ModelCIF file with pLDDT and N, C-alpha, C, O atoms, coordinates in Angstrom:
data_MODEL
#
_entry.id   MODEL 
#
_entity.id                         1 
_entity.type                       polymer 
_entity.pdbx_number_of_molecules   1 
#
_entity_poly.entity_id                      1 
_entity_poly.type                           'polypeptide(L)' 
_entity_poly.nstd_linkage                   no 
_entity_poly.nstd_monomer                   no 
_entity_poly.pdbx_seq_one_letter_code       
;(UNK)(UNK)(UNK)(UNK)(UNK)(UNK)(UNK)(UNK)(UNK)(UNK)(UNK)(UNK)(UNK)(UNK)(UNK)(UNK)
(UNK)(UNK)(UNK)(UNK)(UNK)(UNK)(UNK)(UNK)(UNK)(UNK)(UNK)(UNK)(UNK)(UNK)(UNK)(UNK)
(UNK)(UNK)(UNK)(UNK)(UNK)(UNK)(UNK)(UNK)(UNK)(UNK)(UNK)(UNK)(UNK)(UNK)(UNK)(UNK)
;
_entity_poly.pdbx_seq_one_letter_code_can   XXXXXXXXXXXXXXXXXXXXXXXXXXXXXXXXXXXXXXXXXXXXXXXX 
_entity_poly.pdbx_strand_id                 A 
#
loop_
_entity_poly_seq.entity_id 
_entity_poly_seq.num 
_entity_poly_seq.mon_id 
_entity_poly_seq.hetero 
1 1  UNK n 
1 2  UNK n 
1 3  UNK n 
1 4  UNK n 
1 5  UNK n 
1 6  UNK n 
1 7  UNK n 
1 8  UNK n 
1 9  UNK n 
1 10 UNK n 
1 11 UNK n 
1 12 UNK n 
1 13 UNK n 
1 14 UNK n 
1 15 UNK n 
1 16 UNK n 
1 17 UNK n 
1 18 UNK n 
1 19 UNK n 
1 20 UNK n 
1 21 UNK n 
1 22 UNK n 
1 23 UNK n 
1 24 UNK n 
1 25 UNK n 
1 26 UNK n 
1 27 UNK n 
1 28 UNK n 
1 29 UNK n 
1 30 UNK n 
1 31 UNK n 
1 32 UNK n 
1 33 UNK n 
1 34 UNK n 
1 35 UNK n 
1 36 UNK n 
1 37 UNK n 
1 38 UNK n 
1 39 UNK n 
1 40 UNK n 
1 41 UNK n 
1 42 UNK n 
1 43 UNK n 
1 44 UNK n 
1 45 UNK n 
1 46 UNK n 
1 47 UNK n 
1 48 UNK n 
#
_struct_asym.id          A 
_struct_asym.entity_id   1 
#
loop_
_ma_qa_metric.id 
_ma_qa_metric.mode 
_ma_qa_metric.name 
_ma_qa_metric.software_group_id 
_ma_qa_metric.type 
1 global pLDDT . pLDDT 
2 local  pLDDT . pLDDT 
#
_ma_qa_metric_global.metric_id      1 
_ma_qa_metric_global.metric_value   94.92 
_ma_qa_metric_global.model_id       1 
_ma_qa_metric_global.ordinal_id     1 
#
loop_
_ma_qa_metric_local.label_asym_id 
_ma_qa_metric_local.label_comp_id 
_ma_qa_metric_local.label_seq_id 
_ma_qa_metric_local.metric_id 
_ma_qa_metric_local.metric_value 
_ma_qa_metric_local.model_id 
_ma_qa_metric_local.ordinal_id 
A UNK 1  2 96.00 1 1  
A UNK 2  2 94.00 1 2  
A UNK 3  2 95.00 1 3  
A UNK 4  2 95.00 1 4  
A UNK 5  2 93.00 1 5  
A UNK 6  2 92.00 1 6  
A UNK 7  2 89.00 1 7  
A UNK 8  2 91.00 1 8  
A UNK 9  2 92.00 1 9  
A UNK 10 2 91.00 1 10 
A UNK 11 2 92.00 1 11 
A UNK 12 2 95.00 1 12 
A UNK 13 2 96.00 1 13 
A UNK 14 2 95.00 1 14 
A UNK 15 2 96.00 1 15 
A UNK 16 2 96.00 1 16 
A UNK 17 2 95.00 1 17 
A UNK 18 2 97.00 1 18 
A UNK 19 2 97.00 1 19 
A UNK 20 2 96.00 1 20 
A UNK 21 2 96.00 1 21 
A UNK 22 2 97.00 1 22 
A UNK 23 2 97.00 1 23 
A UNK 24 2 96.00 1 24 
A UNK 25 2 97.00 1 25 
A UNK 26 2 97.00 1 26 
A UNK 27 2 95.00 1 27 
A UNK 28 2 93.00 1 28 
A UNK 29 2 91.00 1 29 
A UNK 30 2 91.00 1 30 
A UNK 31 2 91.00 1 31 
A UNK 32 2 94.00 1 32 
A UNK 33 2 96.00 1 33 
A UNK 34 2 96.00 1 34 
A UNK 35 2 97.00 1 35 
A UNK 36 2 98.00 1 36 
A UNK 37 2 97.00 1 37 
A UNK 38 2 97.00 1 38 
A UNK 39 2 97.00 1 39 
A UNK 40 2 97.00 1 40 
A UNK 41 2 97.00 1 41 
A UNK 42 2 97.00 1 42 
A UNK 43 2 96.00 1 43 
A UNK 44 2 96.00 1 44 
A UNK 45 2 95.00 1 45 
A UNK 46 2 93.00 1 46 
A UNK 47 2 95.00 1 47 
A UNK 48 2 94.00 1 48 
#
loop_
_atom_site.group_PDB 
_atom_site.id 
_atom_site.type_symbol 
_atom_site.label_atom_id 
_atom_site.label_alt_id 
_atom_site.label_comp_id 
_atom_site.label_asym_id 
_atom_site.label_entity_id 
_atom_site.label_seq_id 
_atom_site.pdbx_PDB_ins_code 
_atom_site.Cartn_x 
_atom_site.Cartn_y 
_atom_site.Cartn_z 
_atom_site.occupancy 
_atom_site.B_iso_or_equiv 
_atom_site.pdbx_formal_charge 
_atom_site.auth_seq_id 
_atom_site.auth_comp_id 
_atom_site.auth_asym_id 
_atom_site.auth_atom_id 
_atom_site.pdbx_PDB_model_num 
ATOM 1   N N  . UNK A 1 1  ? -42.441 61.235 75.166 1.00 96.00 ? 1  UNK A N  1 
ATOM 2   C CA . UNK A 1 1  ? -42.709 61.900 73.870 1.00 96.00 ? 1  UNK A CA 1 
ATOM 3   C C  . UNK A 1 1  ? -42.206 63.376 73.781 1.00 96.00 ? 1  UNK A C  1 
ATOM 4   O O  . UNK A 1 1  ? -41.357 63.787 72.990 1.00 96.00 ? 1  UNK A O  1 
ATOM 5   N N  . UNK A 1 2  ? -42.882 64.115 74.741 1.00 94.00 ? 2  UNK A N  1 
ATOM 6   C CA . UNK A 1 2  ? -42.573 65.695 74.583 1.00 94.00 ? 2  UNK A CA 1 
ATOM 7   C C  . UNK A 1 2  ? -41.172 65.940 75.044 1.00 94.00 ? 2  UNK A C  1 
ATOM 8   O O  . UNK A 1 2  ? -40.561 66.851 74.485 1.00 94.00 ? 2  UNK A O  1 
ATOM 9   N N  . UNK A 1 3  ? -40.590 65.269 75.964 1.00 95.00 ? 3  UNK A N  1 
ATOM 10  C CA . UNK A 1 3  ? -39.184 65.489 76.254 1.00 95.00 ? 3  UNK A CA 1 
ATOM 11  C C  . UNK A 1 3  ? -38.264 65.051 75.167 1.00 95.00 ? 3  UNK A C  1 
ATOM 12  O O  . UNK A 1 3  ? -37.231 65.678 74.929 1.00 95.00 ? 3  UNK A O  1 
ATOM 13  N N  . UNK A 1 4  ? -38.638 63.926 74.464 1.00 95.00 ? 4  UNK A N  1 
ATOM 14  C CA . UNK A 1 4  ? -37.781 63.544 73.294 1.00 95.00 ? 4  UNK A CA 1 
ATOM 15  C C  . UNK A 1 4  ? -37.712 64.462 72.267 1.00 95.00 ? 4  UNK A C  1 
ATOM 16  O O  . UNK A 1 4  ? -36.619 64.740 71.775 1.00 95.00 ? 4  UNK A O  1 
ATOM 17  N N  . UNK A 1 5  ? -38.923 65.063 71.806 1.00 93.00 ? 5  UNK A N  1 
ATOM 18  C CA . UNK A 1 5  ? -38.925 65.855 70.624 1.00 93.00 ? 5  UNK A CA 1 
ATOM 19  C C  . UNK A 1 5  ? -38.574 67.307 70.914 1.00 93.00 ? 5  UNK A C  1 
ATOM 20  O O  . UNK A 1 5  ? -38.542 68.120 69.991 1.00 93.00 ? 5  UNK A O  1 
ATOM 21  N N  . UNK A 1 6  ? -38.322 67.638 72.108 1.00 92.00 ? 6  UNK A N  1 
ATOM 22  C CA . UNK A 1 6  ? -37.888 68.932 72.513 1.00 92.00 ? 6  UNK A CA 1 
ATOM 23  C C  . UNK A 1 6  ? -36.429 68.811 73.051 1.00 92.00 ? 6  UNK A C  1 
ATOM 24  O O  . UNK A 1 6  ? -36.190 68.764 74.258 1.00 92.00 ? 6  UNK A O  1 
ATOM 25  N N  . UNK A 1 7  ? -35.443 68.762 72.061 1.00 89.00 ? 7  UNK A N  1 
ATOM 26  C CA . UNK A 1 7  ? -34.079 68.329 72.335 1.00 89.00 ? 7  UNK A CA 1 
ATOM 27  C C  . UNK A 1 7  ? -33.510 69.248 73.433 1.00 89.00 ? 7  UNK A C  1 
ATOM 28  O O  . UNK A 1 7  ? -32.650 68.762 74.168 1.00 89.00 ? 7  UNK A O  1 
ATOM 29  N N  . UNK A 1 8  ? -33.886 70.493 73.619 1.00 91.00 ? 8  UNK A N  1 
ATOM 30  C CA . UNK A 1 8  ? -33.294 71.393 74.555 1.00 91.00 ? 8  UNK A CA 1 
ATOM 31  C C  . UNK A 1 8  ? -33.566 70.881 75.982 1.00 91.00 ? 8  UNK A C  1 
ATOM 32  O O  . UNK A 1 8  ? -32.795 71.230 76.876 1.00 91.00 ? 8  UNK A O  1 
ATOM 33  N N  . UNK A 1 9  ? -34.575 70.105 76.246 1.00 92.00 ? 9  UNK A N  1 
ATOM 34  C CA . UNK A 1 9  ? -34.941 69.631 77.606 1.00 92.00 ? 9  UNK A CA 1 
ATOM 35  C C  . UNK A 1 9  ? -34.882 68.072 77.662 1.00 92.00 ? 9  UNK A C  1 
ATOM 36  O O  . UNK A 1 9  ? -35.182 67.524 78.723 1.00 92.00 ? 9  UNK A O  1 
ATOM 37  N N  . UNK A 1 10 ? -34.530 67.361 76.632 1.00 91.00 ? 10 UNK A N  1 
ATOM 38  C CA . UNK A 1 10 ? -34.457 65.991 76.644 1.00 91.00 ? 10 UNK A CA 1 
ATOM 39  C C  . UNK A 1 10 ? -33.537 65.369 77.691 1.00 91.00 ? 10 UNK A C  1 
ATOM 40  O O  . UNK A 1 10 ? -33.661 64.197 78.046 1.00 91.00 ? 10 UNK A O  1 
ATOM 41  N N  . UNK A 1 11 ? -32.666 66.147 78.141 1.00 92.00 ? 11 UNK A N  1 
ATOM 42  C CA . UNK A 1 11 ? -31.649 65.638 79.203 1.00 92.00 ? 11 UNK A CA 1 
ATOM 43  C C  . UNK A 1 11 ? -32.465 65.223 80.482 1.00 92.00 ? 11 UNK A C  1 
ATOM 44  O O  . UNK A 1 11 ? -32.023 64.361 81.242 1.00 92.00 ? 11 UNK A O  1 
ATOM 45  N N  . UNK A 1 12 ? -33.617 65.830 80.693 1.00 95.00 ? 12 UNK A N  1 
ATOM 46  C CA . UNK A 1 12 ? -34.509 65.590 81.795 1.00 95.00 ? 12 UNK A CA 1 
ATOM 47  C C  . UNK A 1 12 ? -34.914 64.071 81.886 1.00 95.00 ? 12 UNK A C  1 
ATOM 48  O O  . UNK A 1 12 ? -35.269 63.564 82.950 1.00 95.00 ? 12 UNK A O  1 
ATOM 49  N N  . UNK A 1 13 ? -34.840 63.397 80.730 1.00 96.00 ? 13 UNK A N  1 
ATOM 50  C CA . UNK A 1 13 ? -35.092 61.979 80.790 1.00 96.00 ? 13 UNK A CA 1 
ATOM 51  C C  . UNK A 1 13 ? -34.077 61.162 81.440 1.00 96.00 ? 13 UNK A C  1 
ATOM 52  O O  . UNK A 1 13 ? -34.338 59.991 81.716 1.00 96.00 ? 13 UNK A O  1 
ATOM 53  N N  . UNK A 1 14 ? -32.961 61.664 81.706 1.00 95.00 ? 14 UNK A N  1 
ATOM 54  C CA . UNK A 1 14 ? -31.803 60.962 82.499 1.00 95.00 ? 14 UNK A CA 1 
ATOM 55  C C  . UNK A 1 14 ? -32.051 60.906 83.952 1.00 95.00 ? 14 UNK A C  1 
ATOM 56  O O  . UNK A 1 14 ? -31.228 61.357 84.749 1.00 95.00 ? 14 UNK A O  1 
ATOM 57  N N  . UNK A 1 15 ? -33.249 60.321 84.347 1.00 96.00 ? 15 UNK A N  1 
ATOM 58  C CA . UNK A 1 15 ? -33.595 60.152 85.735 1.00 96.00 ? 15 UNK A CA 1 
ATOM 59  C C  . UNK A 1 15 ? -34.090 58.751 85.862 1.00 96.00 ? 15 UNK A C  1 
ATOM 60  O O  . UNK A 1 15 ? -34.622 58.185 84.907 1.00 96.00 ? 15 UNK A O  1 
ATOM 61  N N  . UNK A 1 16 ? -33.927 58.180 87.023 1.00 96.00 ? 16 UNK A N  1 
ATOM 62  C CA . UNK A 1 16 ? -34.391 56.714 87.244 1.00 96.00 ? 16 UNK A CA 1 
ATOM 63  C C  . UNK A 1 16 ? -35.838 56.502 86.889 1.00 96.00 ? 16 UNK A C  1 
ATOM 64  O O  . UNK A 1 16 ? -36.141 55.453 86.322 1.00 96.00 ? 16 UNK A O  1 
ATOM 65  N N  . UNK A 1 17 ? -36.693 57.334 87.147 1.00 95.00 ? 17 UNK A N  1 
ATOM 66  C CA . UNK A 1 17 ? -38.101 57.194 86.861 1.00 95.00 ? 17 UNK A CA 1 
ATOM 67  C C  . UNK A 1 17 ? -38.349 56.912 85.350 1.00 95.00 ? 17 UNK A C  1 
ATOM 68  O O  . UNK A 1 17 ? -39.333 56.242 85.038 1.00 95.00 ? 17 UNK A O  1 
ATOM 69  N N  . UNK A 1 18 ? -37.542 57.369 84.441 1.00 97.00 ? 18 UNK A N  1 
ATOM 70  C CA . UNK A 1 18 ? -37.643 57.159 83.090 1.00 97.00 ? 18 UNK A CA 1 
ATOM 71  C C  . UNK A 1 18 ? -36.783 55.974 82.676 1.00 97.00 ? 18 UNK A C  1 
ATOM 72  O O  . UNK A 1 18 ? -37.186 55.096 81.912 1.00 97.00 ? 18 UNK A O  1 
ATOM 73  N N  . UNK A 1 19 ? -35.609 56.001 83.213 1.00 97.00 ? 19 UNK A N  1 
ATOM 74  C CA . UNK A 1 19 ? -34.646 54.984 82.740 1.00 97.00 ? 19 UNK A CA 1 
ATOM 75  C C  . UNK A 1 19 ? -34.845 53.585 83.215 1.00 97.00 ? 19 UNK A C  1 
ATOM 76  O O  . UNK A 1 19 ? -34.472 52.644 82.514 1.00 97.00 ? 19 UNK A O  1 
ATOM 77  N N  . UNK A 1 20 ? -35.428 53.398 84.400 1.00 96.00 ? 20 UNK A N  1 
ATOM 78  C CA . UNK A 1 20 ? -35.775 52.032 84.938 1.00 96.00 ? 20 UNK A CA 1 
ATOM 79  C C  . UNK A 1 20 ? -36.662 51.219 84.071 1.00 96.00 ? 20 UNK A C  1 
ATOM 80  O O  . UNK A 1 20 ? -36.372 50.055 83.795 1.00 96.00 ? 20 UNK A O  1 
ATOM 81  N N  . UNK A 1 21 ? -37.703 51.782 83.649 1.00 96.00 ? 21 UNK A N  1 
ATOM 82  C CA . UNK A 1 21 ? -38.684 51.015 82.727 1.00 96.00 ? 21 UNK A CA 1 
ATOM 83  C C  . UNK A 1 21 ? -37.983 50.719 81.392 1.00 96.00 ? 21 UNK A C  1 
ATOM 84  O O  . UNK A 1 21 ? -38.233 49.668 80.801 1.00 96.00 ? 21 UNK A O  1 
ATOM 85  N N  . UNK A 1 22 ? -37.156 51.572 80.924 1.00 97.00 ? 22 UNK A N  1 
ATOM 86  C CA . UNK A 1 22 ? -36.417 51.357 79.679 1.00 97.00 ? 22 UNK A CA 1 
ATOM 87  C C  . UNK A 1 22 ? -35.428 50.293 79.847 1.00 97.00 ? 22 UNK A C  1 
ATOM 88  O O  . UNK A 1 22 ? -35.271 49.500 78.919 1.00 97.00 ? 22 UNK A O  1 
ATOM 89  N N  . UNK A 1 23 ? -34.717 50.177 80.960 1.00 97.00 ? 23 UNK A N  1 
ATOM 90  C CA . UNK A 1 23 ? -33.719 49.152 81.185 1.00 97.00 ? 23 UNK A CA 1 
ATOM 91  C C  . UNK A 1 23 ? -34.453 47.786 81.324 1.00 97.00 ? 23 UNK A C  1 
ATOM 92  O O  . UNK A 1 23 ? -33.945 46.748 80.899 1.00 97.00 ? 23 UNK A O  1 
ATOM 93  N N  . UNK A 1 24 ? -35.675 47.826 81.938 1.00 96.00 ? 24 UNK A N  1 
ATOM 94  C CA . UNK A 1 24 ? -36.556 46.595 82.109 1.00 96.00 ? 24 UNK A CA 1 
ATOM 95  C C  . UNK A 1 24 ? -36.811 46.015 80.731 1.00 96.00 ? 24 UNK A C  1 
ATOM 96  O O  . UNK A 1 24 ? -36.609 44.832 80.454 1.00 96.00 ? 24 UNK A O  1 
ATOM 97  N N  . UNK A 1 25 ? -37.274 46.942 79.876 1.00 97.00 ? 25 UNK A N  1 
ATOM 98  C CA . UNK A 1 25 ? -37.565 46.481 78.419 1.00 97.00 ? 25 UNK A CA 1 
ATOM 99  C C  . UNK A 1 25 ? -36.331 46.046 77.705 1.00 97.00 ? 25 UNK A C  1 
ATOM 100 O O  . UNK A 1 25 ? -36.418 45.131 76.886 1.00 97.00 ? 25 UNK A O  1 
ATOM 101 N N  . UNK A 1 26 ? -35.177 46.632 77.951 1.00 97.00 ? 26 UNK A N  1 
ATOM 102 C CA . UNK A 1 26 ? -33.983 46.211 77.244 1.00 97.00 ? 26 UNK A CA 1 
ATOM 103 C C  . UNK A 1 26 ? -33.643 44.730 77.725 1.00 97.00 ? 26 UNK A C  1 
ATOM 104 O O  . UNK A 1 26 ? -33.057 43.956 76.969 1.00 97.00 ? 26 UNK A O  1 
ATOM 105 N N  . UNK A 1 27 ? -34.006 44.392 78.923 1.00 95.00 ? 27 UNK A N  1 
ATOM 106 C CA . UNK A 1 27 ? -33.733 43.053 79.438 1.00 95.00 ? 27 UNK A CA 1 
ATOM 107 C C  . UNK A 1 27 ? -34.647 41.858 78.887 1.00 95.00 ? 27 UNK A C  1 
ATOM 108 O O  . UNK A 1 27 ? -34.470 40.687 79.223 1.00 95.00 ? 27 UNK A O  1 
ATOM 109 N N  . UNK A 1 28 ? -35.623 42.278 78.023 1.00 93.00 ? 28 UNK A N  1 
ATOM 110 C CA . UNK A 1 28 ? -36.586 41.315 77.470 1.00 93.00 ? 28 UNK A CA 1 
ATOM 111 C C  . UNK A 1 28 ? -35.930 40.578 76.409 1.00 93.00 ? 28 UNK A C  1 
ATOM 112 O O  . UNK A 1 28 ? -36.336 39.446 76.147 1.00 93.00 ? 28 UNK A O  1 
ATOM 113 N N  . UNK A 1 29 ? -34.899 41.118 75.724 1.00 91.00 ? 29 UNK A N  1 
ATOM 114 C CA . UNK A 1 29 ? -34.312 40.449 74.645 1.00 91.00 ? 29 UNK A CA 1 
ATOM 115 C C  . UNK A 1 29 ? -34.970 40.684 73.342 1.00 91.00 ? 29 UNK A C  1 
ATOM 116 O O  . UNK A 1 29 ? -36.015 41.330 73.268 1.00 91.00 ? 29 UNK A O  1 
ATOM 117 N N  . UNK A 1 30 ? -34.328 40.130 72.223 1.00 91.00 ? 30 UNK A N  1 
ATOM 118 C CA . UNK A 1 30 ? -34.935 40.246 70.895 1.00 91.00 ? 30 UNK A CA 1 
ATOM 119 C C  . UNK A 1 30 ? -35.036 41.681 70.358 1.00 91.00 ? 30 UNK A C  1 
ATOM 120 O O  . UNK A 1 30 ? -34.324 42.589 70.786 1.00 91.00 ? 30 UNK A O  1 
ATOM 121 N N  . UNK A 1 31 ? -35.965 41.835 69.393 1.00 91.00 ? 31 UNK A N  1 
ATOM 122 C CA . UNK A 1 31 ? -36.124 43.092 68.724 1.00 91.00 ? 31 UNK A CA 1 
ATOM 123 C C  . UNK A 1 31 ? -36.662 44.087 69.720 1.00 91.00 ? 31 UNK A C  1 
ATOM 124 O O  . UNK A 1 31 ? -36.365 45.276 69.604 1.00 91.00 ? 31 UNK A O  1 
ATOM 125 N N  . UNK A 1 32 ? -37.391 43.688 70.633 1.00 94.00 ? 32 UNK A N  1 
ATOM 126 C CA . UNK A 1 32 ? -37.908 44.636 71.673 1.00 94.00 ? 32 UNK A CA 1 
ATOM 127 C C  . UNK A 1 32 ? -36.737 45.232 72.395 1.00 94.00 ? 32 UNK A C  1 
ATOM 128 O O  . UNK A 1 32 ? -36.740 46.446 72.597 1.00 94.00 ? 32 UNK A O  1 
ATOM 129 N N  . UNK A 1 33 ? -35.764 44.512 72.791 1.00 96.00 ? 33 UNK A N  1 
ATOM 130 C CA . UNK A 1 33 ? -34.643 44.942 73.522 1.00 96.00 ? 33 UNK A CA 1 
ATOM 131 C C  . UNK A 1 33 ? -33.882 46.093 72.580 1.00 96.00 ? 33 UNK A C  1 
ATOM 132 O O  . UNK A 1 33 ? -33.468 47.155 73.045 1.00 96.00 ? 33 UNK A O  1 
ATOM 133 N N  . UNK A 1 34 ? -33.774 45.722 71.247 1.00 96.00 ? 34 UNK A N  1 
ATOM 134 C CA . UNK A 1 34 ? -33.121 46.651 70.260 1.00 96.00 ? 34 UNK A CA 1 
ATOM 135 C C  . UNK A 1 34 ? -33.817 48.048 70.259 1.00 96.00 ? 34 UNK A C  1 
ATOM 136 O O  . UNK A 1 34 ? -33.164 49.091 70.276 1.00 96.00 ? 34 UNK A O  1 
ATOM 137 N N  . UNK A 1 35 ? -35.146 48.009 70.238 1.00 97.00 ? 35 UNK A N  1 
ATOM 138 C CA . UNK A 1 35 ? -35.910 49.220 70.268 1.00 97.00 ? 35 UNK A CA 1 
ATOM 139 C C  . UNK A 1 35 ? -35.535 50.107 71.535 1.00 97.00 ? 35 UNK A C  1 
ATOM 140 O O  . UNK A 1 35 ? -35.279 51.307 71.438 1.00 97.00 ? 35 UNK A O  1 
ATOM 141 N N  . UNK A 1 36 ? -35.526 49.440 72.668 1.00 98.00 ? 36 UNK A N  1 
ATOM 142 C CA . UNK A 1 36 ? -35.376 50.188 73.871 1.00 98.00 ? 36 UNK A CA 1 
ATOM 143 C C  . UNK A 1 36 ? -33.925 50.488 74.108 1.00 98.00 ? 36 UNK A C  1 
ATOM 144 O O  . UNK A 1 36 ? -33.628 51.356 74.929 1.00 98.00 ? 36 UNK A O  1 
ATOM 145 N N  . UNK A 1 37 ? -33.019 49.845 73.458 1.00 97.00 ? 37 UNK A N  1 
ATOM 146 C CA . UNK A 1 37 ? -31.598 50.166 73.484 1.00 97.00 ? 37 UNK A CA 1 
ATOM 147 C C  . UNK A 1 37 ? -31.425 51.512 72.734 1.00 97.00 ? 37 UNK A C  1 
ATOM 148 O O  . UNK A 1 37 ? -30.692 52.403 73.163 1.00 97.00 ? 37 UNK A O  1 
ATOM 149 N N  . UNK A 1 38 ? -32.100 51.602 71.657 1.00 97.00 ? 38 UNK A N  1 
ATOM 150 C CA . UNK A 1 38 ? -32.099 52.931 70.870 1.00 97.00 ? 38 UNK A CA 1 
ATOM 151 C C  . UNK A 1 38 ? -32.637 54.036 71.757 1.00 97.00 ? 38 UNK A C  1 
ATOM 152 O O  . UNK A 1 38 ? -32.070 55.126 71.832 1.00 97.00 ? 38 UNK A O  1 
ATOM 153 N N  . UNK A 1 39 ? -33.737 53.738 72.425 1.00 97.00 ? 39 UNK A N  1 
ATOM 154 C CA . UNK A 1 39 ? -34.362 54.786 73.294 1.00 97.00 ? 39 UNK A CA 1 
ATOM 155 C C  . UNK A 1 39 ? -33.316 55.100 74.453 1.00 97.00 ? 39 UNK A C  1 
ATOM 156 O O  . UNK A 1 39 ? -33.114 56.265 74.795 1.00 97.00 ? 39 UNK A O  1 
ATOM 157 N N  . UNK A 1 40 ? -32.711 54.112 74.998 1.00 97.00 ? 40 UNK A N  1 
ATOM 158 C CA . UNK A 1 40 ? -31.758 54.344 76.130 1.00 97.00 ? 40 UNK A CA 1 
ATOM 159 C C  . UNK A 1 40 ? -30.572 55.199 75.548 1.00 97.00 ? 40 UNK A C  1 
ATOM 160 O O  . UNK A 1 40 ? -30.192 56.189 76.173 1.00 97.00 ? 40 UNK A O  1 
ATOM 161 N N  . UNK A 1 41 ? -30.018 54.856 74.433 1.00 97.00 ? 41 UNK A N  1 
ATOM 162 C CA . UNK A 1 41 ? -28.916 55.642 73.842 1.00 97.00 ? 41 UNK A CA 1 
ATOM 163 C C  . UNK A 1 41 ? -29.364 57.096 73.630 1.00 97.00 ? 41 UNK A C  1 
ATOM 164 O O  . UNK A 1 41 ? -28.678 58.051 73.994 1.00 97.00 ? 41 UNK A O  1 
ATOM 165 N N  . UNK A 1 42 ? -30.582 57.210 73.005 1.00 97.00 ? 42 UNK A N  1 
ATOM 166 C CA . UNK A 1 42 ? -31.081 58.598 72.729 1.00 97.00 ? 42 UNK A CA 1 
ATOM 167 C C  . UNK A 1 42 ? -31.081 59.437 73.986 1.00 97.00 ? 42 UNK A C  1 
ATOM 168 O O  . UNK A 1 42 ? -30.674 60.598 74.019 1.00 97.00 ? 42 UNK A O  1 
ATOM 169 N N  . UNK A 1 43 ? -31.566 58.768 75.016 1.00 96.00 ? 43 UNK A N  1 
ATOM 170 C CA . UNK A 1 43 ? -31.724 59.479 76.293 1.00 96.00 ? 43 UNK A CA 1 
ATOM 171 C C  . UNK A 1 43 ? -30.405 59.808 76.971 1.00 96.00 ? 43 UNK A C  1 
ATOM 172 O O  . UNK A 1 43 ? -30.099 60.962 77.270 1.00 96.00 ? 43 UNK A O  1 
ATOM 173 N N  . UNK A 1 44 ? -29.605 58.712 77.212 1.00 96.00 ? 44 UNK A N  1 
ATOM 174 C CA . UNK A 1 44 ? -28.364 58.849 78.006 1.00 96.00 ? 44 UNK A CA 1 
ATOM 175 C C  . UNK A 1 44 ? -27.300 59.572 77.247 1.00 96.00 ? 44 UNK A C  1 
ATOM 176 O O  . UNK A 1 44 ? -26.443 60.184 77.885 1.00 96.00 ? 44 UNK A O  1 
ATOM 177 N N  . UNK A 1 45 ? -27.275 59.557 75.948 1.00 95.00 ? 45 UNK A N  1 
ATOM 178 C CA . UNK A 1 45 ? -26.243 60.259 75.197 1.00 95.00 ? 45 UNK A CA 1 
ATOM 179 C C  . UNK A 1 45 ? -26.732 61.572 74.664 1.00 95.00 ? 45 UNK A C  1 
ATOM 180 O O  . UNK A 1 45 ? -26.018 62.268 73.941 1.00 95.00 ? 45 UNK A O  1 
ATOM 181 N N  . UNK A 1 46 ? -27.969 61.920 75.024 1.00 93.00 ? 46 UNK A N  1 
ATOM 182 C CA . UNK A 1 46 ? -28.769 63.194 74.572 1.00 93.00 ? 46 UNK A CA 1 
ATOM 183 C C  . UNK A 1 46 ? -28.584 63.374 73.008 1.00 93.00 ? 46 UNK A C  1 
ATOM 184 O O  . UNK A 1 46 ? -28.052 64.356 72.490 1.00 93.00 ? 46 UNK A O  1 
ATOM 185 N N  . UNK A 1 47 ? -29.058 62.370 72.387 1.00 95.00 ? 47 UNK A N  1 
ATOM 186 C CA . UNK A 1 47 ? -28.945 62.374 70.793 1.00 95.00 ? 47 UNK A CA 1 
ATOM 187 C C  . UNK A 1 47 ? -30.117 62.951 70.110 1.00 95.00 ? 47 UNK A C  1 
ATOM 188 O O  . UNK A 1 47 ? -30.200 62.855 68.886 1.00 95.00 ? 47 UNK A O  1 
ATOM 189 N N  . UNK A 1 48 ? -31.082 63.575 70.841 1.00 94.00 ? 48 UNK A N  1 
ATOM 190 C CA . UNK A 1 48 ? -32.264 64.164 70.171 1.00 94.00 ? 48 UNK A CA 1 
ATOM 191 C C  . UNK A 1 48 ? -31.862 65.250 69.168 1.00 94.00 ? 48 UNK A C  1 
ATOM 192 O O  . UNK A 1 48 ? -32.726 65.844 68.523 1.00 94.00 ? 48 UNK A O  1 
#
């Protein structure tokens, strides 16, 4: 949360400790996967 809403430091989420659980949720499929795909894109593309 705090790293997402503070866009100047949101790049810090680009670490395995954050991305691994997000990838796991993306693998669940369905609407759940779509939510976490958004989160993944927000993090990896630094879209905050």
